[in-house]
Amino acid sequence: MYGQLIEFELLDAKHVTTETGLRANELRSLKKLSFDFENCTVTVKVGYSKNSKKAVLPL
């Protein structure tokens, strides 16, 4: 069961990466609060984005 959970999380990470174009460092910085499912967005904090600005991306 634990292996299935990890596999599911990796698939989710791959999906988020391909859908948003996030870089590895940006992806690693994401927390639960980074996701806004009502507005279908993901937010990358200032210190982790490519241009050092807050990025709000569509999912």
N, C-alpha and C. Protein backbone atom coordinates (compact mmCIF):
# COMPACT_ATOMS: atom_id res chain seq x y z
N MET A 1 0.82 -1.19 0.00
CA MET A 1 0.00 0.00 0.00
C MET A 1 0.87 1.25 0.00
N TYR A 2 1.94 1.29 0.79
CA TYR A 2 2.82 2.45 0.86
C TYR A 2 3.47 2.72 -0.50
N GLY A 3 3.88 1.67 -1.19
CA GLY A 3 4.47 1.81 -2.52
C GLY A 3 3.49 2.42 -3.50
N GLN A 4 2.23 2.07 -3.40
CA GLN A 4 1.21 2.63 -4.29
C GLN A 4 1.03 4.12 -4.01
N LEU A 5 1.13 4.51 -2.75
CA LEU A 5 0.99 5.92 -2.38
C LEU A 5 2.12 6.73 -2.99
N ILE A 6 3.34 6.24 -2.88
CA ILE A 6 4.49 6.94 -3.46
C ILE A 6 4.34 7.03 -4.97
N GLU A 7 3.92 5.95 -5.60
CA GLU A 7 3.74 5.94 -7.05
C GLU A 7 2.68 6.96 -7.45
N PHE A 8 1.59 7.04 -6.70
CA PHE A 8 0.53 8.01 -6.97
C PHE A 8 1.05 9.43 -6.84
N GLU A 9 1.84 9.70 -5.78
CA GLU A 9 2.39 11.03 -5.57
C GLU A 9 3.34 11.41 -6.69
N LEU A 10 4.14 10.46 -7.17
CA LEU A 10 5.05 10.73 -8.28
C LEU A 10 4.28 11.03 -9.55
N LEU A 11 3.20 10.32 -9.79
CA LEU A 11 2.38 10.59 -10.96
C LEU A 11 1.76 11.97 -10.87
N ASP A 12 1.31 12.36 -9.67
CA ASP A 12 0.76 13.70 -9.48
C ASP A 12 1.83 14.76 -9.74
N ALA A 13 3.05 14.53 -9.25
CA ALA A 13 4.13 15.49 -9.46
C ALA A 13 4.45 15.61 -10.94
N LYS A 14 4.47 14.50 -11.65
CA LYS A 14 4.73 14.55 -13.10
C LYS A 14 3.62 15.30 -13.81
N HIS A 15 2.39 15.08 -13.39
CA HIS A 15 1.24 15.76 -14.00
C HIS A 15 1.34 17.27 -13.78
N VAL A 16 1.61 17.68 -12.55
CA VAL A 16 1.73 19.10 -12.24
C VAL A 16 2.88 19.72 -13.03
N THR A 17 3.99 19.01 -13.14
CA THR A 17 5.14 19.52 -13.88
C THR A 17 4.81 19.73 -15.34
N THR A 18 4.19 18.75 -15.97
CA THR A 18 3.90 18.87 -17.39
C THR A 18 2.80 19.88 -17.67
N GLU A 19 1.84 19.99 -16.78
CA GLU A 19 0.73 20.92 -17.00
C GLU A 19 1.12 22.37 -16.74
N THR A 20 2.08 22.61 -15.83
CA THR A 20 2.42 23.98 -15.45
C THR A 20 3.79 24.42 -15.96
N GLY A 21 4.64 23.48 -16.34
CA GLY A 21 5.99 23.83 -16.78
C GLY A 21 6.91 24.18 -15.63
N LEU A 22 6.59 23.73 -14.43
CA LEU A 22 7.43 24.04 -13.27
C LEU A 22 8.79 23.37 -13.39
N ARG A 23 9.79 24.07 -12.89
CA ARG A 23 11.14 23.52 -12.81
C ARG A 23 11.24 22.68 -11.54
N ALA A 24 12.29 21.87 -11.45
CA ALA A 24 12.44 20.94 -10.33
C ALA A 24 12.44 21.67 -8.99
N ASN A 25 13.16 22.77 -8.88
CA ASN A 25 13.22 23.52 -7.62
C ASN A 25 11.85 24.10 -7.26
N GLU A 26 11.14 24.57 -8.26
CA GLU A 26 9.80 25.11 -8.02
C GLU A 26 8.85 24.01 -7.55
N LEU A 27 8.95 22.85 -8.17
CA LEU A 27 8.11 21.71 -7.80
C LEU A 27 8.39 21.27 -6.37
N ARG A 28 9.66 21.22 -5.99
CA ARG A 28 10.03 20.80 -4.62
C ARG A 28 9.55 21.79 -3.57
N SER A 29 9.35 23.05 -3.96
CA SER A 29 8.94 24.07 -2.98
C SER A 29 7.45 24.04 -2.67
N LEU A 30 6.67 23.31 -3.45
CA LEU A 30 5.22 23.32 -3.28
C LEU A 30 4.77 22.65 -1.99
N LYS A 31 3.79 23.25 -1.36
CA LYS A 31 3.15 22.71 -0.16
C LYS A 31 1.66 22.59 -0.45
N LYS A 32 0.92 21.98 0.46
CA LYS A 32 -0.53 21.87 0.28
C LYS A 32 -1.18 23.23 0.06
N LEU A 33 -0.70 24.22 0.78
CA LEU A 33 -1.28 25.56 0.66
C LEU A 33 -0.95 26.24 -0.66
N SER A 34 -0.02 25.67 -1.44
CA SER A 34 0.33 26.23 -2.74
C SER A 34 -0.78 26.02 -3.76
N PHE A 35 -1.67 25.08 -3.48
CA PHE A 35 -2.72 24.73 -4.43
C PHE A 35 -4.04 25.38 -4.05
N ASP A 36 -4.67 26.00 -5.02
CA ASP A 36 -6.00 26.60 -4.85
C ASP A 36 -6.92 25.88 -5.83
N PHE A 37 -7.65 24.90 -5.33
CA PHE A 37 -8.48 24.07 -6.19
C PHE A 37 -9.77 24.77 -6.61
N GLU A 38 -10.19 25.78 -5.85
CA GLU A 38 -11.38 26.55 -6.25
C GLU A 38 -11.11 27.34 -7.52
N ASN A 39 -9.91 27.93 -7.59
CA ASN A 39 -9.55 28.73 -8.76
C ASN A 39 -8.66 27.97 -9.74
N CYS A 40 -8.37 26.71 -9.42
CA CYS A 40 -7.52 25.85 -10.27
C CYS A 40 -6.17 26.49 -10.56
N THR A 41 -5.47 26.90 -9.48
CA THR A 41 -4.15 27.50 -9.63
C THR A 41 -3.16 26.88 -8.64
N VAL A 42 -1.89 27.07 -8.95
CA VAL A 42 -0.81 26.69 -8.04
C VAL A 42 0.10 27.91 -7.93
N THR A 43 0.55 28.20 -6.71
CA THR A 43 1.38 29.38 -6.46
C THR A 43 2.78 28.97 -6.06
N VAL A 44 3.77 29.55 -6.74
CA VAL A 44 5.18 29.34 -6.41
C VAL A 44 5.65 30.59 -5.68
N LYS A 45 6.22 30.41 -4.50
CA LYS A 45 6.66 31.55 -3.69
C LYS A 45 7.84 32.27 -4.34
N VAL A 46 8.05 33.49 -3.91
CA VAL A 46 9.04 34.39 -4.47
C VAL A 46 10.44 33.78 -4.58
N GLY A 47 10.95 33.20 -3.56
CA GLY A 47 12.32 32.70 -3.55
C GLY A 47 12.57 31.49 -4.44
N TYR A 48 11.54 30.87 -4.94
CA TYR A 48 11.70 29.64 -5.71
C TYR A 48 11.39 29.78 -7.19
N SER A 49 10.80 30.88 -7.60
CA SER A 49 10.43 31.03 -9.00
C SER A 49 11.64 31.46 -9.83
N LYS A 50 11.53 31.27 -11.13
CA LYS A 50 12.63 31.56 -12.06
C LYS A 50 13.09 33.01 -11.96
N ASN A 51 12.14 33.93 -11.93
CA ASN A 51 12.49 35.35 -11.94
C ASN A 51 12.37 36.01 -10.57
N SER A 52 12.35 35.21 -9.51
CA SER A 52 12.26 35.69 -8.13
C SER A 52 11.01 36.53 -7.87
N LYS A 53 9.93 36.20 -8.57
CA LYS A 53 8.64 36.83 -8.33
C LYS A 53 7.62 35.74 -8.05
N LYS A 54 6.61 36.07 -7.28
CA LYS A 54 5.52 35.12 -7.02
C LYS A 54 4.88 34.74 -8.34
N ALA A 55 4.68 33.45 -8.54
CA ALA A 55 4.06 32.97 -9.78
C ALA A 55 2.78 32.22 -9.45
N VAL A 56 1.68 32.63 -10.06
CA VAL A 56 0.39 31.95 -9.91
C VAL A 56 0.07 31.34 -11.27
N LEU A 57 0.07 30.01 -11.33
CA LEU A 57 -0.08 29.30 -12.59
C LEU A 57 -1.38 28.50 -12.62
N PRO A 58 -2.01 28.39 -13.78
CA PRO A 58 -3.23 27.59 -13.89
C PRO A 58 -2.90 26.11 -13.83
N LEU A 59 -3.83 25.34 -13.30
CA LEU A 59 -3.69 23.88 -13.29
C LEU A 59 -4.42 23.29 -14.47
